[in-house]
C-alpha atoms as a PDB file:
ATOM      1  CA  UNK A   1     123.148 114.410  90.543  1.00  0.00           C
ATOM      2  CA  UNK A   2     122.283 117.246  92.952  1.00  0.00           C
ATOM      3  CA  UNK A   3     123.854 118.210  95.985  1.00  0.00           C
ATOM      4  CA  UNK A   4     122.117 118.657  98.857  1.00  0.00           C
ATOM      5  CA  UNK A   5     122.732 119.911 102.570  1.00  0.00           C
ATOM      6  CA  UNK A   6     121.144 118.028 105.205  1.00  0.00           C
ATOM      7  CA  UNK A   7     120.677 118.377 108.886  1.00  0.00           C
ATOM      8  CA  UNK A   8     120.251 115.300 110.908  1.00  0.00           C
ATOM      9  CA  UNK A   9     119.649 114.448 114.649  1.00  0.00           C
ATOM     10  CA  UNK A  10     122.684 113.185 116.117  1.00  0.00           C
ATOM     11  CA  UNK A  11     121.227 109.987 117.208  1.00  0.00           C
ATOM     12  CA  UNK A  12     120.143 109.242 113.601  1.00  0.00           C
ATOM     13  CA  UNK A  13     123.422 110.119 112.305  1.00  0.00           C
ATOM     14  CA  UNK A  14     125.603 107.946 114.862  1.00  0.00           C
ATOM     15  CA  UNK A  15     123.073 104.860 113.952  1.00  0.00           C
ATOM     16  CA  UNK A  16     123.622 105.570 110.451  1.00  0.00           C
ATOM     17  CA  UNK A  17     127.519 105.869 110.838  1.00  0.00           C
ATOM     18  CA  UNK A  18     127.704 102.538 112.868  1.00  0.00           C
ATOM     19  CA  UNK A  19     125.309 100.700 110.204  1.00  0.00           C
ATOM     20  CA  UNK A  20     127.209 101.997 107.252  1.00  0.00           C
ATOM     21  CA  UNK A  21     130.513 100.895 108.602  1.00  0.00           C
ATOM     22  CA  UNK A  22     129.180  97.395 108.983  1.00  0.00           C
ATOM     23  CA  UNK A  23     127.767  97.014 105.672  1.00  0.00           C
ATOM     24  CA  UNK A  24     130.734  98.586 103.756  1.00  0.00           C
ATOM     25  CA  UNK A  25     128.592 101.297 102.169  1.00  0.00           C
ATOM     26  CA  UNK A  26     129.081 104.922 101.925  1.00  0.00           C
ATOM     27  CA  UNK A  27     126.811 107.371 103.801  1.00  0.00           C
ATOM     28  CA  UNK A  28     125.710 108.833 100.475  1.00  0.00           C
ATOM     29  CA  UNK A  29     124.802 105.547  99.100  1.00  0.00           C
ATOM     30  CA  UNK A  30     122.790 104.338 102.199  1.00  0.00           C
ATOM     31  CA  UNK A  31     120.871 107.654 102.497  1.00  0.00           C
ATOM     32  CA  UNK A  32     120.037 107.413  98.733  1.00  0.00           C
ATOM     33  CA  UNK A  33     118.710 104.098  98.942  1.00  0.00           C
ATOM     34  CA  UNK A  34     116.714 104.831 102.318  1.00  0.00           C
ATOM     35  CA  UNK A  35     115.127 107.869 100.599  1.00  0.00           C
ATOM     36  CA  UNK A  36     114.114 105.820  97.438  1.00  0.00           C
ATOM     37  CA  UNK A  37     112.836 103.261  99.555  1.00  0.00           C
ATOM     38  CA  UNK A  38     110.849 105.739 101.713  1.00  0.00           C
ATOM     39  CA  UNK A  39     109.381 107.366  98.346  1.00  0.00           C
ATOM     40  CA  UNK A  40     108.318 104.021  97.076  1.00  0.00           C
ATOM     41  CA  UNK A  41     106.546 103.240 100.664  1.00  0.00           C
ATOM     42  CA  UNK A  42     104.831 106.754 100.444  1.00  0.00           C
ATOM     43  CA  UNK A  43     103.795 105.889  96.847  1.00  0.00           C
ATOM     44  CA  UNK A  44     102.014 103.110  97.860  1.00  0.00           C
ATOM     45  CA  UNK A  45     100.264 104.727 100.948  1.00  0.00           C
ATOM     46  CA  UNK A  46      98.991 107.306  98.477  1.00  0.00           C
ATOM     47  CA  UNK A  47      97.983 104.601  95.796  1.00  0.00           C
ATOM     48  CA  UNK A  48      96.357 102.503  98.542  1.00  0.00           C
ATOM     49  CA  UNK A  49      94.457 105.634 100.136  1.00  0.00           C
ATOM     50  CA  UNK A  50      93.380 106.763  96.332  1.00  0.00           C
ATOM     51  CA  UNK A  51      92.370 103.128  95.824  1.00  0.00           C
ATOM     52  CA  UNK A  52      90.175 103.201  99.296  1.00  0.00           C
ATOM     53  CA  UNK A  53      88.741 106.561  98.131  1.00  0.00           C
ATOM     54  CA  UNK A  54      87.557 105.192  94.755  1.00  0.00           C
ATOM     55  CA  UNK A  55      86.332 101.874  96.234  1.00  0.00           C
ATOM     56  CA  UNK A  56      84.153 103.781  98.510  1.00  0.00           C
ATOM     57  CA  UNK A  57      82.564 105.921  95.766  1.00  0.00           C
ATOM     58  CA  UNK A  58      82.040 102.854  93.664  1.00  0.00           C
ATOM     59  CA  UNK A  59      80.518 100.948  96.633  1.00  0.00           C
ATOM     60  CA  UNK A  60      77.938 103.835  97.245  1.00  0.00           C
ATOM     61  CA  UNK A  61      76.823 103.864  93.715  1.00  0.00           C
ATOM     62  CA  UNK A  62      76.513 100.310  93.370  1.00  0.00           C
ATOM     63  CA  UNK A  63      73.955 100.510  96.440  1.00  0.00           C
ATOM     64  CA  UNK A  64      71.852 103.184  94.511  1.00  0.00           C
ATOM     65  CA  UNK A  65      71.971 100.904  91.765  1.00  0.00           C
ATOM     66  CA  UNK A  66      70.897  98.057  93.759  1.00  0.00           C
ATOM     67  CA  UNK A  67      68.241  99.948  95.414  1.00  0.00           C
ATOM     68  CA  UNK A  68      66.888 101.248  92.291  1.00  0.00           C
ATOM     69  CA  UNK A  69      66.908  97.593  90.982  1.00  0.00           C
ATOM     70  CA  UNK A  70      64.888  96.462  94.100  1.00  0.00           C
ATOM     71  CA  UNK A  71      62.424  99.376  93.802  1.00  0.00           C
ATOM     72  CA  UNK A  72      61.693  98.290  90.095  1.00  0.00           C
ATOM     73  CA  UNK A  73      61.350  94.582  91.231  1.00  0.00           C
ATOM     74  CA  UNK A  74      59.236  95.554  93.934  1.00  0.00           C
ATOM     75  CA  UNK A  75      56.905  97.360  91.384  1.00  0.00           C
ATOM     76  CA  UNK A  76      56.454  94.519  89.163  1.00  0.00           C
END
């Protein structure tokens, strides 16, 4: 495990302290779970962005192919 020094806004720290006390979880465990959750969220966003980008590329190519087929059909 790595040690980490962290500066946290007072309001975020105070809210974290209130929540961890209510759910009987250590601050360290709570922050680890929060960062893990945020990492998963960011990974999903990156995958979604990449999928949208690749989908657009495929769409553009599909439209070109369709135009070529239509052109061949019109020539027949």
